[in-house]
Amino acid sequence: MSVDLLTALHQAVGPSQVLTHDDPDTDLSAWEQDWRKRAHGRALAVVRPGNTAEVAAVVRACAAAGASLVPQGGNTGLVVGSVPDDTGTQVVLSLTRMNAVRHIDPANLTFTVEAGCVLQSLQETAEKAGFLFPLSLAAEGSCTIGGNLATNAGGTQVLRYGNARELCLGLEVVTAQGAVWNGLSGLRKDNTGYDLRDLFIGSEGSLGVITAATLKLYPLPAAQLTAWAAVPTLDAAVALLGLAQQHLGAGLTGFEVMGQFALSIVDKHFPALRVPLWQDTPYCVLLENSDNESEEHARAQFERLLETAFEQGLVSDAVVAESLAQAHGLWHIRESIPLAQAEEGLNIKHDISIPVSRIPAFCAETDALLQREIPGVRLVNFGHLGDGNLHYNVQAPAGEDAKKFLNLQESRVNDLVFGAVARYDGSISAEHGVGSLKADHLPHYKDPVALGLMRSIKQALDPHNLMNPGRVLSRP
């Protein structure tokens, strides 16, 4: 079967675009290992199609051979959702060669792009055309838009613009049977039946392969200002969020919260970043104001907001970036927290969402629970408070072997955290997806009717379970 399949793949994309272990000069580790180095599989082949027709031919070849297929973009995911298993029978479908911007429609405020486009390059393309594409996240220099849509990525501007789902008006998808659905119309209104776009977005390659998308563009703001504020409690941070929404309205494009320990490890491992205000406050908040009028107007709004916040005791100190470079520096501190965690040692990551109003109580209860059950554990709590998404990560006690801690305590920590998330009506995956790391947890925390409907959809669209099996839904 493998020989016949490899022959078919050669015919589909050309021999030079089919990489296998048979070539001693070929290293497939970049495709077979996840970004966090938690999983390492072995692929039958890595196939790199250059257009949608080639993707369809690859899918048909795999379907005919009964071989499962793993779609992959920039391979920056955090839930082991885009690397092969260790059987040596799966085909990795890398979409990075499909990186063309097909069309920009200024009047419709859209552009149509291929799945392999790197997110940062799309941001730059939009800006050169005089527009904003607002999806922004830490991996934007290497993640691709196909993966962003397949996982319904979030990032730092969800508060204003929504997740990847809200930024997408249409898709082109290769189905599990190798047919091509062209849904790239770019219409904002189309009530002609089921919304297939929303079905494939967030499905993590388990229903079909996203090959292109029509995405929303926005006018470039006249000014963007960033402020960093020290807050005494999480309750104060939530109150500051409400105040910022009153003062800035739709101009509030970012609202991040960072715990003291999270900032302390950035200061420890990257002292050149000069983290402000963190030593004397339990939390800091990063706010961004995008203004369509002028920088003077934006600054005046910020000043009024901060004056009111000081008067109400919500903020103990604050700095407003005086230049674009300073603003980038503040955001770089926020985005360096995961890197500092990696320097500190292996950790247990949680990407959760909680109703904003309940986040302070959730953190108080869960912090105390973890400290009681695992004395000395260190909590790296940060994230997108504006949309209720926390990265509630757990680091080993100081001086303890991090790898040993992960092996011994991960299951227990997950049960404690996920149980608390359920009690607070939250979600165990806010923006990273389910992948294989959380697939076995999903039946315990997902409504059984919803889970049944999901399995019915999977069965209808991929009856032979060849599209990224074991991801989102655990293997049958």
Protein backbone atom coordinates (compact mmCIF):
# COMPACT_ATOMS: atom_id res chain seq x y z
CA MET A 1 0.00 0.00 0.00
CA SER A 2 2.77 2.43 0.93
CA VAL A 3 4.57 1.96 -2.39
CA ASP A 4 1.40 2.52 -4.41
CA LEU A 5 0.45 5.55 -2.29
CA LEU A 6 3.88 7.14 -2.65
CA THR A 7 3.67 6.64 -6.41
CA ALA A 8 0.28 8.38 -6.44
CA LEU A 9 1.63 11.22 -4.30
CA HIS A 10 4.58 11.67 -6.68
CA GLN A 11 2.10 11.95 -9.53
CA ALA A 12 -0.02 14.45 -7.60
CA VAL A 13 2.66 16.96 -6.60
CA GLY A 14 5.92 15.87 -8.20
CA PRO A 15 8.63 13.67 -6.62
CA SER A 16 10.58 16.65 -5.23
CA GLN A 17 7.61 17.65 -3.06
CA VAL A 18 7.21 14.24 -1.40
CA LEU A 19 9.68 13.86 1.47
CA THR A 20 10.30 10.50 3.12
CA HIS A 21 12.71 8.83 5.51
CA ASP A 22 14.11 6.80 2.62
CA ASP A 23 16.30 9.78 1.70
CA PRO A 24 19.15 9.87 4.25
CA ASP A 25 19.71 13.57 3.55
CA THR A 26 16.13 14.49 4.46
CA ASP A 27 15.29 15.50 8.04
CA LEU A 28 11.55 15.41 8.72
CA SER A 29 11.75 16.45 12.36
CA ALA A 30 10.39 19.96 11.63
CA TRP A 31 7.12 18.36 10.51
CA GLU A 32 7.07 15.44 12.94
CA GLN A 33 7.64 17.31 16.23
CA ASP A 34 5.26 19.79 17.81
CA TRP A 35 6.35 23.32 18.77
CA ARG A 36 6.53 22.53 22.51
CA LYS A 37 8.51 19.33 21.78
CA ARG A 38 5.94 17.32 23.70
CA ALA A 39 5.26 14.85 20.89
CA HIS A 40 7.37 13.35 18.12
CA GLY A 41 5.78 11.13 15.50
CA ARG A 42 6.89 9.43 12.33
CA ALA A 43 5.27 10.20 8.98
CA LEU A 44 5.04 7.95 5.96
CA ALA A 45 5.68 11.11 3.94
CA VAL A 46 5.52 14.88 4.07
CA VAL A 47 3.74 16.19 0.99
CA ARG A 48 3.96 19.84 -0.08
CA PRO A 49 1.31 20.74 -2.69
CA GLY A 50 1.52 24.06 -4.51
CA ASN A 51 -2.13 24.65 -5.33
CA THR A 52 -5.65 23.54 -4.47
CA ALA A 53 -5.85 21.00 -7.31
CA GLU A 54 -2.75 19.28 -5.95
CA VAL A 55 -4.24 19.24 -2.42
CA ALA A 56 -7.35 17.57 -3.82
CA ALA A 57 -5.24 15.00 -5.67
CA VAL A 58 -3.31 14.20 -2.48
CA VAL A 59 -6.51 13.75 -0.49
CA ARG A 60 -7.98 11.47 -3.16
CA ALA A 61 -4.80 9.38 -3.20
CA CYS A 62 -4.87 9.00 0.59
CA ALA A 63 -8.58 8.17 0.57
CA ALA A 64 -8.06 5.48 -2.08
CA ALA A 65 -5.24 3.95 -0.02
CA GLY A 66 -7.08 4.27 3.29
CA ALA A 67 -4.23 6.38 4.69
CA SER A 68 -4.96 9.06 7.26
CA LEU A 69 -3.81 12.60 6.58
CA VAL A 70 -2.55 15.33 8.93
CA PRO A 71 -2.91 18.90 7.58
CA GLN A 72 -0.19 21.25 8.81
CA GLY A 73 0.54 24.96 8.52
CA GLY A 74 3.27 26.65 10.53
CA ASN A 75 3.19 23.86 13.16
CA THR A 76 3.01 26.39 16.01
CA GLY A 77 0.04 24.79 17.78
CA LEU A 78 0.08 24.08 21.51
CA VAL A 79 -2.23 21.06 21.76
CA VAL A 80 -0.45 18.50 19.53
CA GLY A 81 -2.96 18.82 16.73
CA SER A 82 -0.80 18.89 13.59
CA VAL A 83 1.93 16.26 13.88
CA PRO A 84 1.69 12.59 12.87
CA ASP A 85 1.43 9.69 15.28
CA ASP A 86 4.29 7.21 15.61
CA THR A 87 2.92 4.51 13.30
CA GLY A 88 4.77 5.69 10.20
CA THR A 89 1.56 5.39 8.17
CA GLN A 90 0.19 8.94 8.19
CA VAL A 91 0.78 11.55 5.50
CA VAL A 92 1.58 15.09 6.64
CA LEU A 93 0.05 17.63 4.24
CA SER A 94 2.14 20.79 4.54
CA LEU A 95 0.42 23.85 3.05
CA THR A 96 3.29 26.33 3.39
CA ARG A 97 3.95 26.48 -0.38
CA MET A 98 0.42 27.82 -0.90
CA ASN A 99 1.22 31.39 0.17
CA ALA A 100 -0.28 33.67 -2.48
CA VAL A 101 -2.53 36.68 -1.89
CA ARG A 102 -5.00 36.03 -4.67
CA HIS A 103 -7.01 39.25 -4.60
CA ILE A 104 -7.53 42.48 -2.66
CA ASP A 105 -10.96 44.12 -2.94
CA PRO A 106 -10.70 47.62 -1.38
CA ALA A 107 -14.36 48.50 -1.88
CA ASN A 108 -15.52 45.26 -0.25
CA LEU A 109 -12.85 45.57 2.48
CA THR A 110 -11.63 42.01 1.89
CA PHE A 111 -8.66 40.08 0.59
CA THR A 112 -8.52 36.48 -0.54
CA VAL A 113 -5.43 34.55 0.51
CA GLU A 114 -4.10 31.01 0.46
CA ALA A 115 -3.82 28.87 3.57
CA GLY A 116 -0.03 28.87 3.73
CA CYS A 117 0.32 32.65 4.07
CA VAL A 118 2.20 33.58 7.24
CA LEU A 119 0.03 35.77 9.46
CA GLN A 120 2.60 38.55 9.79
CA SER A 121 2.98 38.76 6.02
CA LEU A 122 -0.79 39.22 5.73
CA GLN A 123 -0.70 42.02 8.30
CA GLU A 124 2.05 43.72 6.27
CA THR A 125 0.25 43.19 2.96
CA ALA A 126 -2.90 44.75 4.38
CA GLU A 127 -0.97 47.73 5.78
CA LYS A 128 0.78 48.38 2.45
CA ALA A 129 -2.65 48.51 0.83
CA GLY A 130 -3.80 51.01 3.46
CA PHE A 131 -5.80 48.63 5.61
CA LEU A 132 -5.67 46.73 8.90
CA PHE A 133 -5.92 42.97 9.27
CA PRO A 134 -6.32 42.76 13.05
CA LEU A 135 -5.62 39.11 13.88
CA SER A 136 -2.51 39.25 16.08
CA LEU A 137 -0.82 36.62 18.26
CA ALA A 138 2.62 35.75 19.57
CA ALA A 139 3.39 33.20 16.83
CA GLU A 140 2.41 35.55 13.97
CA GLY A 141 5.91 35.44 12.48
CA SER A 142 5.57 31.73 11.67
CA CYS A 143 1.94 30.60 12.04
CA THR A 144 -0.17 30.44 8.89
CA ILE A 145 -3.69 31.65 8.23
CA GLY A 146 -4.96 28.16 7.40
CA GLY A 147 -3.94 26.96 10.85
CA ASN A 148 -5.32 30.13 12.42
CA LEU A 149 -8.71 29.38 10.87
CA ALA A 150 -8.56 25.65 11.53
CA THR A 151 -8.09 26.38 15.25
CA ASN A 152 -10.22 29.56 15.32
CA ALA A 153 -7.22 31.45 16.73
CA GLY A 154 -7.76 34.38 19.08
CA GLY A 155 -4.92 36.66 20.12
CA THR A 156 -4.68 40.13 21.54
CA GLN A 157 -7.43 42.01 19.63
CA VAL A 158 -10.39 39.65 20.04
CA LEU A 159 -12.00 42.19 22.37
CA ARG A 160 -12.59 44.52 19.41
CA TYR A 161 -12.48 42.36 16.29
CA GLY A 162 -13.32 38.81 17.40
CA ASN A 163 -11.61 35.48 16.82
CA ALA A 164 -10.44 34.27 13.42
CA ARG A 165 -14.00 33.09 12.77
CA GLU A 166 -15.33 36.65 12.93
CA LEU A 167 -12.64 37.85 10.49
CA CYS A 168 -13.48 35.29 7.78
CA LEU A 169 -16.20 35.74 5.17
CA GLY A 170 -15.55 32.68 3.05
CA LEU A 171 -13.46 29.56 2.58
CA GLU A 172 -12.14 27.22 -0.05
CA VAL A 173 -11.99 23.67 1.33
CA VAL A 174 -10.92 20.27 0.05
CA THR A 175 -13.29 17.68 1.50
CA ALA A 176 -12.32 14.26 2.87
CA GLN A 177 -13.31 12.78 -0.49
CA GLY A 178 -11.02 15.15 -2.43
CA ALA A 179 -13.75 17.43 -3.79
CA VAL A 180 -13.24 21.22 -3.74
CA TRP A 181 -15.82 23.53 -2.18
CA ASN A 182 -15.43 27.12 -3.38
CA GLY A 183 -17.06 29.41 -0.83
CA LEU A 184 -14.87 32.49 -1.33
CA SER A 185 -17.64 34.94 -2.27
CA GLY A 186 -16.80 37.48 0.43
CA LEU A 187 -20.47 38.17 1.13
CA ARG A 188 -21.47 39.54 4.51
CA LYS A 189 -25.03 38.30 4.05
CA ASP A 190 -25.83 34.90 2.57
CA ASN A 191 -28.78 33.03 4.09
CA THR A 192 -28.86 30.13 1.65
CA GLY A 193 -28.66 27.28 4.10
CA TYR A 194 -26.19 25.89 6.58
CA ASP A 195 -23.11 28.01 7.19
CA LEU A 196 -20.41 25.60 6.04
CA ARG A 197 -17.72 28.19 6.69
CA ASP A 198 -18.35 28.07 10.42
CA LEU A 199 -18.35 24.28 10.30
CA PHE A 200 -14.77 24.05 9.00
CA ILE A 201 -13.38 26.95 11.05
CA GLY A 202 -12.26 25.50 14.38
CA SER A 203 -12.46 21.89 13.18
CA GLU A 204 -8.65 21.50 13.33
CA GLY A 205 -8.41 19.72 9.98
CA SER A 206 -10.68 16.92 11.15
CA LEU A 207 -13.41 17.58 8.57
CA GLY A 208 -11.52 18.92 5.55
CA VAL A 209 -8.51 20.96 4.45
CA ILE A 210 -8.81 24.75 4.32
CA THR A 211 -6.87 25.91 1.25
CA ALA A 212 -7.89 29.58 0.95
CA ALA A 213 -10.00 32.22 2.71
CA THR A 214 -11.62 35.58 2.09
CA LEU A 215 -10.89 37.77 5.09
CA LYS A 216 -12.15 41.11 6.39
CA LEU A 217 -10.05 44.26 6.21
CA TYR A 218 -10.51 47.44 8.26
CA PRO A 219 -9.41 51.04 7.79
CA LEU A 220 -6.07 51.79 9.44
CA PRO A 221 -6.56 53.69 12.72
CA ALA A 222 -5.27 57.24 12.86
CA ALA A 223 -3.49 56.46 16.13
CA GLN A 224 -2.78 53.57 18.47
CA LEU A 225 -1.75 54.21 22.07
CA THR A 226 -0.66 51.70 24.68
CA ALA A 227 -0.76 52.03 28.47
CA TRP A 228 0.60 49.80 31.24
CA ALA A 229 -1.15 50.01 34.61
CA ALA A 230 -0.59 48.44 38.02
CA VAL A 231 -3.80 47.22 39.64
CA PRO A 232 -4.26 46.05 43.25
CA THR A 233 -6.59 43.09 42.58
CA LEU A 234 -8.24 41.13 39.80
CA ASP A 235 -11.53 42.72 40.86
CA ALA A 236 -9.93 46.10 40.16
CA ALA A 237 -8.76 44.85 36.76
CA VAL A 238 -12.31 43.80 35.84
CA ALA A 239 -13.65 47.16 37.03
CA LEU A 240 -10.95 48.94 34.99
CA LEU A 241 -12.05 46.96 31.94
CA GLY A 242 -15.61 48.21 32.36
CA LEU A 243 -14.37 51.76 32.82
CA ALA A 244 -12.20 51.49 29.70
CA GLN A 245 -15.14 50.23 27.68
CA GLN A 246 -17.19 53.24 28.83
CA HIS A 247 -14.45 55.75 28.00
CA LEU A 248 -13.01 54.23 24.82
CA GLY A 249 -15.89 52.26 23.32
CA ALA A 250 -14.85 50.35 20.20
CA GLY A 251 -11.45 52.03 20.43
CA LEU A 252 -10.45 49.58 23.18
CA THR A 253 -8.67 46.97 21.06
CA GLY A 254 -6.60 45.21 23.71
CA PHE A 255 -6.88 44.52 27.44
CA GLU A 256 -4.34 42.06 28.85
CA VAL A 257 -3.75 41.04 32.45
CA MET A 258 -0.44 39.69 33.81
CA GLY A 259 0.19 38.27 37.26
CA GLN A 260 3.23 39.23 39.31
CA PHE A 261 4.94 35.84 39.05
CA ALA A 262 4.46 35.78 35.27
CA LEU A 263 6.19 39.17 35.02
CA SER A 264 8.88 38.18 37.51
CA ILE A 265 10.14 35.36 35.29
CA VAL A 266 10.26 37.75 32.30
CA ASP A 267 12.34 40.11 34.44
CA LYS A 268 14.51 37.18 35.55
CA HIS A 269 15.22 35.68 32.15
CA PHE A 270 15.02 38.80 29.95
CA PRO A 271 16.22 41.68 32.16
CA ALA A 272 16.93 43.88 29.13
CA LEU A 273 13.16 44.22 28.61
CA ARG A 274 12.87 46.31 31.81
CA VAL A 275 9.44 45.20 32.99
CA PRO A 276 7.68 48.20 34.60
CA LEU A 277 5.79 48.40 37.89
CA TRP A 278 5.62 44.67 38.61
CA GLN A 279 7.51 44.48 41.93
CA ASP A 280 4.90 46.18 44.11
CA THR A 281 1.61 45.01 42.63
CA PRO A 282 -0.08 41.61 42.21
CA TYR A 283 -1.26 42.36 38.65
CA CYS A 284 -0.47 44.63 35.74
CA VAL A 285 -2.78 45.45 32.85
CA LEU A 286 -1.85 46.34 29.26
CA LEU A 287 -4.41 48.44 27.38
CA GLU A 288 -4.50 49.51 23.74
CA ASN A 289 -6.62 52.34 22.35
CA SER A 290 -7.09 52.60 18.57
CA ASP A 291 -8.47 55.95 17.50
CA ASN A 292 -9.89 56.96 14.14
CA GLU A 293 -9.51 60.71 14.83
CA SER A 294 -5.99 61.63 15.99
CA GLU A 295 -3.23 60.82 18.46
CA GLU A 296 -4.18 63.90 20.48
CA HIS A 297 -7.75 62.66 20.78
CA ALA A 298 -6.59 59.17 21.75
CA ARG A 299 -4.18 60.52 24.38
CA ALA A 300 -6.85 62.76 25.88
CA GLN A 301 -9.20 59.77 26.14
CA PHE A 302 -6.50 57.72 27.84
CA GLU A 303 -5.70 60.48 30.31
CA ARG A 304 -9.34 60.90 31.31
CA LEU A 305 -9.68 57.14 31.71
CA LEU A 306 -6.59 56.85 33.91
CA GLU A 307 -7.52 59.89 36.01
CA THR A 308 -10.90 58.32 36.77
CA ALA A 309 -9.26 54.96 37.48
CA PHE A 310 -6.83 56.57 39.96
CA GLU A 311 -9.68 58.39 41.68
CA GLN A 312 -11.62 55.13 42.08
CA GLY A 313 -8.59 53.25 43.41
CA LEU A 314 -8.50 50.87 40.46
CA VAL A 315 -4.96 51.81 39.41
CA SER A 316 -1.97 52.49 41.67
CA ASP A 317 0.48 53.55 38.94
CA ALA A 318 0.56 53.72 35.15
CA VAL A 319 2.70 54.60 32.15
CA VAL A 320 1.52 55.59 28.67
CA ALA A 321 3.86 54.79 25.80
CA GLU A 322 5.28 57.98 24.30
CA SER A 323 6.30 56.39 20.99
CA LEU A 324 5.59 53.42 18.77
CA ALA A 325 8.87 51.87 19.91
CA GLN A 326 7.82 52.11 23.55
CA ALA A 327 4.44 50.58 22.73
CA HIS A 328 6.12 47.70 20.93
CA GLY A 329 8.39 47.27 23.94
CA LEU A 330 5.43 46.93 26.31
CA TRP A 331 3.74 44.40 24.04
CA HIS A 332 7.02 42.52 23.71
CA ILE A 333 7.08 42.07 27.49
CA ARG A 334 3.59 40.57 27.41
CA GLU A 335 4.47 38.28 24.51
CA SER A 336 7.67 37.13 26.22
CA ILE A 337 5.85 35.44 29.11
CA PRO A 338 5.61 32.05 27.30
CA LEU A 339 9.31 32.28 26.36
CA ALA A 340 10.21 33.05 29.97
CA GLN A 341 8.17 30.05 31.09
CA ALA A 342 10.15 27.83 28.75
CA GLU A 343 13.39 29.20 30.25
CA GLU A 344 12.04 28.54 33.74
CA GLY A 345 11.31 24.91 32.88
CA LEU A 346 8.59 22.59 31.62
CA ASN A 347 5.13 23.65 32.77
CA ILE A 348 1.50 22.63 32.59
CA LYS A 349 -0.42 24.94 30.27
CA HIS A 350 -4.11 25.76 30.39
CA ASP A 351 -5.94 27.87 27.81
CA ILE A 352 -9.28 28.52 29.48
CA SER A 353 -12.17 30.94 29.25
CA ILE A 354 -14.38 32.11 32.10
CA PRO A 355 -17.13 34.74 32.12
CA VAL A 356 -15.23 37.98 32.79
CA SER A 357 -17.35 38.79 35.83
CA ARG A 358 -16.37 35.49 37.48
CA ILE A 359 -12.62 35.51 36.79
CA PRO A 360 -11.58 37.00 40.17
CA ALA A 361 -13.54 34.38 42.12
CA PHE A 362 -12.28 31.58 39.87
CA CYS A 363 -8.65 32.59 40.37
CA ALA A 364 -9.03 33.00 44.13
CA GLU A 365 -10.63 29.56 44.51
CA THR A 366 -8.35 27.71 42.08
CA ASP A 367 -5.14 29.38 43.32
CA ALA A 368 -5.98 28.26 46.85
CA LEU A 369 -6.99 24.77 45.70
CA LEU A 370 -3.72 24.17 43.87
CA GLN A 371 -1.61 25.56 46.72
CA ARG A 372 -3.42 23.30 49.18
CA GLU A 373 -3.14 20.18 47.03
CA ILE A 374 0.42 20.78 45.74
CA PRO A 375 2.26 23.06 48.20
CA GLY A 376 4.77 25.42 46.61
CA VAL A 377 3.32 25.24 43.10
CA ARG A 378 3.83 28.47 41.15
CA LEU A 379 1.04 29.97 39.02
CA VAL A 380 1.77 31.79 35.77
CA ASN A 381 -1.53 33.58 35.24
CA PHE A 382 -1.89 35.97 32.29
CA GLY A 383 -4.03 36.49 29.24
CA HIS A 384 -6.80 38.29 27.45
CA LEU A 385 -8.95 39.53 30.30
CA GLY A 386 -11.00 41.62 27.88
CA ASP A 387 -12.53 38.51 26.33
CA GLY A 388 -12.34 36.21 29.37
CA ASN A 389 -9.41 34.08 28.16
CA LEU A 390 -6.72 33.18 30.70
CA HIS A 391 -3.50 31.26 30.19
CA TYR A 392 -3.58 29.72 33.63
CA ASN A 393 -0.29 27.82 33.69
CA VAL A 394 1.29 25.82 36.48
CA GLN A 395 5.03 25.79 37.16
CA ALA A 396 6.82 23.30 39.43
CA PRO A 397 7.74 24.46 42.95
CA ALA A 398 11.06 26.28 43.08
CA GLY A 399 13.98 23.87 43.05
CA GLU A 400 11.90 20.87 41.98
CA ASP A 401 12.74 18.96 38.80
CA ALA A 402 10.35 20.40 36.19
CA LYS A 403 10.23 17.30 33.97
CA LYS A 404 9.52 15.04 36.93
CA PHE A 405 6.83 17.44 38.15
CA LEU A 406 5.17 17.41 34.73
CA ASN A 407 5.18 13.62 34.54
CA LEU A 408 3.85 13.13 38.07
CA GLN A 409 1.39 15.99 38.43
CA GLU A 410 0.00 16.95 35.00
CA SER A 411 -3.05 14.69 35.14
CA ARG A 412 -3.90 15.76 38.68
CA VAL A 413 -3.41 19.47 37.94
CA ASN A 414 -5.56 19.22 34.81
CA ASP A 415 -8.36 17.56 36.77
CA LEU A 416 -8.27 20.27 39.44
CA VAL A 417 -8.17 23.16 36.97
CA PHE A 418 -10.69 21.73 34.52
CA GLY A 419 -13.05 20.87 37.37
CA ALA A 420 -12.89 24.48 38.57
CA VAL A 421 -13.46 25.73 35.00
CA ALA A 422 -16.61 23.60 34.78
CA ARG A 423 -17.90 24.92 38.12
CA TYR A 424 -17.53 28.47 36.77
CA ASP A 425 -19.31 27.70 33.48
CA GLY A 426 -16.11 28.09 31.46
CA SER A 427 -14.35 26.27 28.63
CA ILE A 428 -11.21 24.12 28.84
CA SER A 429 -10.07 25.48 25.45
CA ALA A 430 -10.46 29.16 24.65
CA GLU A 431 -8.22 29.72 21.63
CA HIS A 432 -5.63 26.94 21.29
CA GLY A 433 -8.03 24.21 20.21
CA VAL A 434 -8.46 20.64 21.45
CA GLY A 435 -5.90 18.75 19.38
CA SER A 436 -4.92 15.40 20.86
CA LEU A 437 -3.93 16.76 24.28
CA LYS A 438 -7.52 17.55 25.27
CA ALA A 439 -9.48 15.11 23.11
CA ASP A 440 -9.88 12.60 25.93
CA HIS A 441 -10.94 15.37 28.34
CA LEU A 442 -13.70 16.68 26.07
CA PRO A 443 -16.33 14.01 26.93
CA HIS A 444 -16.08 15.00 30.61
CA TYR A 445 -16.65 18.73 30.01
CA LYS A 446 -18.69 19.01 26.80
CA ASP A 447 -22.47 18.77 26.75
CA PRO A 448 -23.26 15.18 25.69
CA VAL A 449 -25.82 16.30 23.12
CA ALA A 450 -23.28 18.68 21.57
CA LEU A 451 -20.67 15.91 21.55
CA GLY A 452 -23.11 13.56 19.84
CA LEU A 453 -23.84 16.14 17.17
CA MET A 454 -20.12 16.66 16.62
CA ARG A 455 -19.60 12.92 16.14
CA SER A 456 -22.50 12.82 13.67
CA ILE A 457 -20.94 15.63 11.64
CA LYS A 458 -17.55 13.86 11.65
CA GLN A 459 -19.18 10.62 10.51
CA ALA A 460 -21.09 12.37 7.72
CA LEU A 461 -18.14 14.34 6.31
CA ASP A 462 -15.30 11.89 7.03
CA PRO A 463 -16.88 8.44 7.39
CA HIS A 464 -13.56 6.60 7.22
CA ASN A 465 -11.92 8.82 9.85
CA LEU A 466 -8.96 9.73 7.64
CA MET A 467 -8.79 13.48 8.33
CA ASN A 468 -6.56 14.19 11.32
CA PRO A 469 -7.92 11.28 13.37
CA GLY A 470 -7.79 11.52 17.15
CA ARG A 471 -7.91 15.30 17.11
CA VAL A 472 -10.88 17.19 18.64
CA LEU A 473 -12.78 13.91 18.99
CA SER A 474 -10.94 10.99 20.58
CA ARG A 475 -10.56 7.92 18.43
CA PRO A 476 -13.65 5.69 18.38
